[in-house]
Amino acid sequence: MREKEIKNLQDLSAQAETEYLIDFSKRLGYISEKDYEEIELLRCEAGKLLWSFYKKIAG
């Protein structure tokens, strides 16, 4: 696997980890439902951008 591909997979893994930590924080009451919804929208948008970028460079 090329170094570039490994980096891209790491970025996608970080996205999944972020999703889990946001959900975990909500379940423990560290963030409100309103904050969770706002953060989740931003996370989804960032994920779409990352995936689009990955597809373009992966060919």
C-alpha atoms as a PDB file:
ATOM      1  CA  MET A   1       0.000   0.000   0.000  1.00  0.00           C
ATOM      2  CA  ARG A   2       1.363   3.387  -0.903  1.00  0.00           C
ATOM      3  CA  GLU A   3       2.086   5.961   1.773  1.00  0.00           C
ATOM      4  CA  LYS A   4      -0.610   8.272   0.397  1.00  0.00           C
ATOM      5  CA  GLU A   5      -3.247   5.534   0.615  1.00  0.00           C
ATOM      6  CA  ILE A   6      -2.264   4.738   4.196  1.00  0.00           C
ATOM      7  CA  LYS A   7      -2.654   8.397   5.155  1.00  0.00           C
ATOM      8  CA  ASN A   8      -6.100   8.510   3.552  1.00  0.00           C
ATOM      9  CA  LEU A   9      -7.199   5.410   5.448  1.00  0.00           C
ATOM     10  CA  GLN A  10      -5.957   7.004   8.660  1.00  0.00           C
ATOM     11  CA  ASP A  11      -8.072  10.082   7.912  1.00  0.00           C
ATOM     12  CA  LEU A  12     -11.152   7.905   7.390  1.00  0.00           C
ATOM     13  CA  SER A  13     -10.420   6.025  10.619  1.00  0.00           C
ATOM     14  CA  ALA A  14     -10.130   9.311  12.480  1.00  0.00           C
ATOM     15  CA  GLN A  15     -13.548  10.270  11.111  1.00  0.00           C
ATOM     16  CA  ALA A  16     -15.083   7.095  12.547  1.00  0.00           C
ATOM     17  CA  GLU A  17     -13.356   7.658  15.882  1.00  0.00           C
ATOM     18  CA  THR A  18     -14.655  11.224  15.995  1.00  0.00           C
ATOM     19  CA  GLU A  19     -18.188   9.982  15.352  1.00  0.00           C
ATOM     20  CA  TYR A  20     -17.908   7.551  18.248  1.00  0.00           C
ATOM     21  CA  LEU A  21     -16.481  10.149  20.661  1.00  0.00           C
ATOM     22  CA  ILE A  22     -19.206  12.664  19.830  1.00  0.00           C
ATOM     23  CA  ASP A  23     -21.884  10.042  20.466  1.00  0.00           C
ATOM     24  CA  PHE A  24     -20.152   8.902  23.656  1.00  0.00           C
ATOM     25  CA  SER A  25     -19.986  12.496  24.921  1.00  0.00           C
ATOM     26  CA  LYS A  26     -23.702  12.940  24.308  1.00  0.00           C
ATOM     27  CA  ARG A  27     -24.606   9.698  26.091  1.00  0.00           C
ATOM     28  CA  LEU A  28     -22.565  10.743  29.131  1.00  0.00           C
ATOM     29  CA  GLY A  29     -24.206  14.157  29.169  1.00  0.00           C
ATOM     30  CA  TYR A  30     -21.082  16.150  28.350  1.00  0.00           C
ATOM     31  CA  ILE A  31     -22.834  17.855  25.442  1.00  0.00           C
ATOM     32  CA  SER A  32     -26.467  18.822  25.018  1.00  0.00           C
ATOM     33  CA  GLU A  33     -28.778  17.395  22.365  1.00  0.00           C
ATOM     34  CA  LYS A  34     -28.675  20.736  20.544  1.00  0.00           C
ATOM     35  CA  ASP A  35     -24.866  20.807  20.545  1.00  0.00           C
ATOM     36  CA  TYR A  36     -24.782  17.171  19.460  1.00  0.00           C
ATOM     37  CA  GLU A  37     -27.003  17.901  16.455  1.00  0.00           C
ATOM     38  CA  GLU A  38     -24.857  20.874  15.411  1.00  0.00           C
ATOM     39  CA  ILE A  39     -21.613  18.953  15.818  1.00  0.00           C
ATOM     40  CA  GLU A  40     -23.039  15.939  13.990  1.00  0.00           C
ATOM     41  CA  LEU A  41     -24.029  18.100  11.010  1.00  0.00           C
ATOM     42  CA  LEU A  42     -20.502  19.490  10.830  1.00  0.00           C
ATOM     43  CA  ARG A  43     -18.984  16.022  11.211  1.00  0.00           C
ATOM     44  CA  CYS A  44     -21.133  14.661   8.386  1.00  0.00           C
ATOM     45  CA  GLU A  45     -20.196  17.558   6.140  1.00  0.00           C
ATOM     46  CA  ALA A  46     -16.491  17.058   6.875  1.00  0.00           C
ATOM     47  CA  GLY A  47     -16.882  13.329   6.221  1.00  0.00           C
ATOM     48  CA  LYS A  48     -18.440  13.958   2.831  1.00  0.00           C
ATOM     49  CA  LEU A  49     -15.595  16.298   1.911  1.00  0.00           C
ATOM     50  CA  LEU A  50     -12.979  13.776   3.034  1.00  0.00           C
ATOM     51  CA  TRP A  51     -14.644  10.952   1.128  1.00  0.00           C
ATOM     52  CA  SER A  52     -14.926  13.074  -2.021  1.00  0.00           C
ATOM     53  CA  PHE A  53     -11.279  14.037  -1.728  1.00  0.00           C
ATOM     54  CA  TYR A  54     -10.255  10.410  -1.177  1.00  0.00           C
ATOM     55  CA  LYS A  55     -12.159   9.245  -4.256  1.00  0.00           C
ATOM     56  CA  LYS A  56     -10.509  11.918  -6.404  1.00  0.00           C
ATOM     57  CA  ILE A  57      -6.964  11.094  -5.398  1.00  0.00           C
ATOM     58  CA  ALA A  58      -7.511   7.330  -5.321  1.00  0.00           C
ATOM     59  CA  GLY A  59      -8.525   7.460  -8.932  1.00  0.00           C
END
